[in-house]
Amino acid sequence: MNLISNKVWAALAVASLAATATQAASITGSLWVNQVSASQSATIKNIPTTTPDVTFSVNSPLNFNSYVGGYTVGGFLQSGGATILTGSDLSGHSLDNTFIAFMGQVTVANGETFTVTHDDGLQLKIGESLLINEPGPFAPTTDTWTYTGNPGTYPFVLTYGESWGAPAVLQISLPLENVPDGGATIALLGGAITTLGMMYRRVRK
């Protein structure tokens, strides 16, 4: 398990650092539907290795809420102000059993605090630190977290899973950013996902 997890993080970190142009206050996400087991345990190692059903861009801080948009994929994305990049908004598709992965960079300071509200689970890894590890189903929960590592700009991976029915909430106050431009982000994430699938098959052998 640790071997797979480390390889997953390495592939995503390489993809995140592979370009230099930035888009301030904007982040790219990839969304998969019908992911029962992954949505119930929203860990980085459970990022699907298939092509995302939807990719999108959204301004940070993130603020998605099914109370506003309704319990569909399209309604959830619309509630956060997302712009569809590939796929469709799946307006009529239930949000249940959905998995979302975000990646990019974030600038943090030692002692910086930020708030996170989620329903259901999520993981957040900044640099080499797994800062939030609450991948399982949750009722709407708001927590304050403190970054205690070295200050700087680091790659991050944020995974989120929605399962077991409404509601669905994902709010995080960190100023997350893309590393490359939107098109490059999608290409890099797609390459990382393919790499993860190959790594997983090799490890299983």
Protein backbone atom coordinates (compact mmCIF):
# COMPACT_ATOMS: atom_id res chain seq x y z
CA MET A 1 0.00 0.00 0.00
CA ASN A 2 2.77 2.44 0.89
CA LEU A 3 4.57 1.68 -2.36
CA ILE A 4 1.47 2.43 -4.42
CA SER A 5 0.74 5.56 -2.41
CA ASN A 6 4.27 6.91 -2.84
CA LYS A 7 4.20 6.25 -6.57
CA VAL A 8 0.84 8.00 -6.89
CA TRP A 9 2.17 11.08 -5.14
CA ALA A 10 5.38 11.05 -7.20
CA ALA A 11 3.48 10.90 -10.50
CA LEU A 12 1.16 13.72 -9.52
CA ALA A 13 3.98 15.87 -8.16
CA VAL A 14 5.98 15.47 -11.39
CA ALA A 15 2.94 16.46 -13.43
CA SER A 16 2.30 19.44 -11.19
CA LEU A 17 5.86 20.76 -11.50
CA ALA A 18 6.30 20.09 -15.20
CA ALA A 19 5.22 23.59 -16.36
CA THR A 20 5.82 27.09 -15.12
CA ALA A 21 3.02 29.41 -16.28
CA THR A 22 0.46 30.13 -13.53
CA GLN A 23 -3.13 31.23 -13.34
CA ALA A 24 -3.65 33.07 -10.07
CA ALA A 25 -6.65 32.00 -8.00
CA SER A 26 -7.71 29.35 -10.51
CA ILE A 27 -7.50 25.59 -10.20
CA THR A 28 -8.32 22.63 -12.45
CA GLY A 29 -10.30 19.60 -11.32
CA SER A 30 -11.05 16.16 -12.74
CA LEU A 31 -14.29 14.37 -11.92
CA TRP A 32 -15.34 10.74 -12.22
CA VAL A 33 -18.89 9.41 -11.77
CA ASN A 34 -19.98 5.92 -10.64
CA GLN A 35 -16.93 5.45 -8.38
CA VAL A 36 -18.54 3.66 -5.43
CA SER A 37 -15.48 2.42 -3.51
CA ALA A 38 -13.25 5.42 -4.32
CA SER A 39 -15.95 7.92 -3.37
CA GLN A 40 -16.34 6.22 0.01
CA SER A 41 -12.59 6.40 0.65
CA ALA A 42 -11.37 9.55 -1.10
CA THR A 43 -7.65 8.92 -0.86
CA ILE A 44 -4.91 9.94 -3.26
CA LYS A 45 -4.14 6.30 -3.98
CA ASN A 46 -7.77 5.82 -5.03
CA ILE A 47 -7.64 8.42 -7.82
CA PRO A 48 -9.17 6.54 -10.78
CA THR A 49 -6.78 5.61 -13.55
CA THR A 50 -9.41 6.04 -16.27
CA THR A 51 -10.09 9.21 -18.28
CA PRO A 52 -12.15 11.68 -16.22
CA ASP A 53 -15.80 12.08 -17.18
CA VAL A 54 -15.46 15.85 -16.70
CA THR A 55 -12.56 18.27 -16.34
CA PHE A 56 -13.19 21.83 -15.26
CA SER A 57 -11.58 25.02 -14.02
CA VAL A 58 -12.75 26.91 -10.96
CA ASN A 59 -11.59 29.92 -9.00
CA SER A 60 -10.25 29.38 -5.52
CA PRO A 61 -10.97 29.41 -2.67
CA LEU A 62 -13.22 26.43 -3.43
CA ASN A 63 -16.88 26.72 -2.50
CA PHE A 64 -19.11 23.88 -3.78
CA ASN A 65 -22.47 23.23 -2.14
CA SER A 66 -25.36 20.98 -3.19
CA TYR A 67 -27.73 23.04 -1.04
CA VAL A 68 -27.34 25.76 -3.69
CA GLY A 69 -26.92 23.84 -6.93
CA GLY A 70 -28.87 20.67 -6.24
CA TYR A 71 -27.66 17.09 -5.94
CA THR A 72 -26.45 16.59 -9.52
CA VAL A 73 -22.97 16.78 -11.00
CA GLY A 74 -23.93 19.84 -13.04
CA GLY A 75 -25.60 21.58 -10.11
CA PHE A 76 -22.63 20.96 -7.84
CA LEU A 77 -20.14 22.30 -10.38
CA GLN A 78 -22.35 25.30 -11.08
CA SER A 79 -22.59 26.10 -7.36
CA GLY A 80 -18.81 26.55 -7.27
CA GLY A 81 -18.63 28.61 -10.45
CA ALA A 82 -16.85 25.88 -12.42
CA THR A 83 -16.23 26.11 -16.16
CA ILE A 84 -16.36 22.82 -18.07
CA LEU A 85 -13.19 22.10 -20.05
CA THR A 86 -13.79 18.54 -21.31
CA GLY A 87 -16.80 16.25 -21.16
CA SER A 88 -20.21 17.65 -20.24
CA ASP A 89 -21.66 19.07 -17.05
CA LEU A 90 -23.77 15.90 -16.58
CA SER A 91 -26.62 18.11 -15.41
CA GLY A 92 -29.00 15.23 -14.81
CA HIS A 93 -26.49 12.80 -13.31
CA SER A 94 -26.70 12.15 -9.58
CA LEU A 95 -23.73 13.39 -7.58
CA ASP A 96 -23.73 10.21 -5.49
CA ASN A 97 -20.58 8.06 -5.86
CA THR A 98 -18.57 10.88 -7.45
CA PHE A 99 -14.80 11.35 -7.04
CA ILE A 100 -12.96 14.65 -7.72
CA ALA A 101 -9.21 15.30 -7.81
CA PHE A 102 -7.57 18.73 -7.84
CA MET A 103 -3.86 19.35 -8.31
CA GLY A 104 -1.60 22.36 -8.66
CA GLN A 105 0.37 24.52 -6.28
CA VAL A 106 -0.28 26.48 -3.11
CA THR A 107 1.75 29.08 -1.21
CA VAL A 108 1.68 28.58 2.55
CA ALA A 109 3.35 30.05 5.63
CA ASN A 110 4.29 28.31 8.86
CA GLY A 111 1.45 28.77 11.34
CA GLU A 112 -1.07 29.72 8.64
CA THR A 113 -4.61 28.60 9.47
CA PHE A 114 -7.41 27.81 7.06
CA THR A 115 -10.90 26.35 7.21
CA VAL A 116 -12.29 23.30 5.46
CA THR A 117 -15.91 22.18 5.24
CA HIS A 118 -16.64 18.82 3.67
CA ASP A 119 -19.31 16.20 3.15
CA ASP A 120 -18.11 13.62 2.42
CA GLY A 121 -14.42 12.68 2.61
CA LEU A 122 -11.18 14.30 1.49
CA GLN A 123 -7.40 14.16 1.61
CA LEU A 124 -5.05 17.11 1.14
CA LYS A 125 -1.34 16.65 0.59
CA ILE A 126 0.94 19.70 0.41
CA GLY A 127 4.51 18.95 -0.57
CA GLU A 128 5.41 15.79 1.33
CA SER A 129 2.91 16.41 4.15
CA LEU A 130 -0.48 14.69 4.28
CA LEU A 131 -2.15 17.63 5.97
CA ILE A 132 -5.76 16.39 6.00
CA ASN A 133 -6.64 12.71 6.10
CA GLU A 134 -10.41 12.36 6.42
CA PRO A 135 -11.29 10.18 3.41
CA GLY A 136 -14.38 8.46 4.77
CA PRO A 137 -18.03 9.57 4.72
CA PHE A 138 -18.86 12.57 6.91
CA ALA A 139 -21.83 14.69 7.81
CA PRO A 140 -21.13 18.36 6.92
CA THR A 141 -18.07 19.17 9.05
CA THR A 142 -16.10 22.41 9.38
CA ASP A 143 -12.59 22.31 10.85
CA THR A 144 -9.73 24.77 11.20
CA TRP A 145 -6.32 23.46 10.18
CA THR A 146 -2.83 24.87 10.68
CA TYR A 147 0.11 24.44 8.34
CA THR A 148 3.23 23.74 10.39
CA GLY A 149 5.81 23.01 7.70
CA ASN A 150 8.39 25.23 6.04
CA PRO A 151 6.97 28.28 4.25
CA GLY A 152 6.98 28.27 0.48
CA THR A 153 5.12 27.24 -2.66
CA TYR A 154 4.48 23.52 -2.99
CA PRO A 155 2.57 21.12 -5.24
CA PHE A 156 -0.66 19.87 -3.73
CA VAL A 157 -3.17 17.12 -4.39
CA LEU A 158 -6.73 17.43 -3.05
CA THR A 159 -9.12 14.49 -3.39
CA TYR A 160 -12.83 14.60 -2.57
CA GLY A 161 -15.50 11.91 -2.58
CA GLU A 162 -19.29 12.20 -2.37
CA SER A 163 -21.25 9.12 -1.31
CA TRP A 164 -24.28 7.93 0.66
CA GLY A 165 -26.61 10.63 -0.69
CA ALA A 166 -27.20 14.33 -0.14
CA PRO A 167 -25.92 16.76 0.92
CA ALA A 168 -22.53 17.44 -0.67
CA VAL A 169 -20.17 20.22 0.41
CA LEU A 170 -16.55 21.11 -0.40
CA GLN A 171 -15.20 24.43 0.84
CA ILE A 172 -11.54 25.24 1.47
CA SER A 173 -10.11 28.70 2.09
CA LEU A 174 -6.58 28.09 0.76
CA PRO A 175 -5.54 30.09 -2.36
CA LEU A 176 -5.00 27.09 -4.64
CA GLU A 177 -3.52 27.70 -8.09
CA ASN A 178 -2.84 25.87 -11.34
CA VAL A 179 0.80 25.31 -12.23
CA PRO A 180 0.44 25.25 -16.05
CA ASP A 181 -2.30 26.73 -18.21
CA GLY A 182 -5.61 24.91 -18.42
CA GLY A 183 -4.81 22.78 -21.47
CA ALA A 184 -1.44 21.72 -20.14
CA THR A 185 -3.00 20.86 -16.79
CA ILE A 186 -5.42 18.44 -18.41
CA ALA A 187 -2.69 16.84 -20.53
CA LEU A 188 -0.40 16.44 -17.54
CA LEU A 189 -3.10 15.02 -15.30
CA GLY A 190 -4.15 12.60 -18.05
CA GLY A 191 -0.53 11.46 -18.37
CA ALA A 192 -0.25 11.09 -14.61
CA ILE A 193 -3.42 8.99 -14.48
CA THR A 194 -2.09 6.70 -17.24
CA THR A 195 1.21 6.39 -15.38
CA LEU A 196 -0.61 5.49 -12.18
CA GLY A 197 -2.46 2.69 -13.95
CA MET A 198 0.81 1.26 -15.27
CA MET A 199 2.44 1.55 -11.84
CA TYR A 200 -0.50 -0.16 -10.17
CA ARG A 201 -0.36 -3.09 -12.60
CA ARG A 202 3.41 -3.44 -12.08
CA VAL A 203 3.07 -3.40 -8.30
CA ARG A 204 0.32 -6.04 -8.42
CA LYS A 205 2.62 -8.27 -10.47
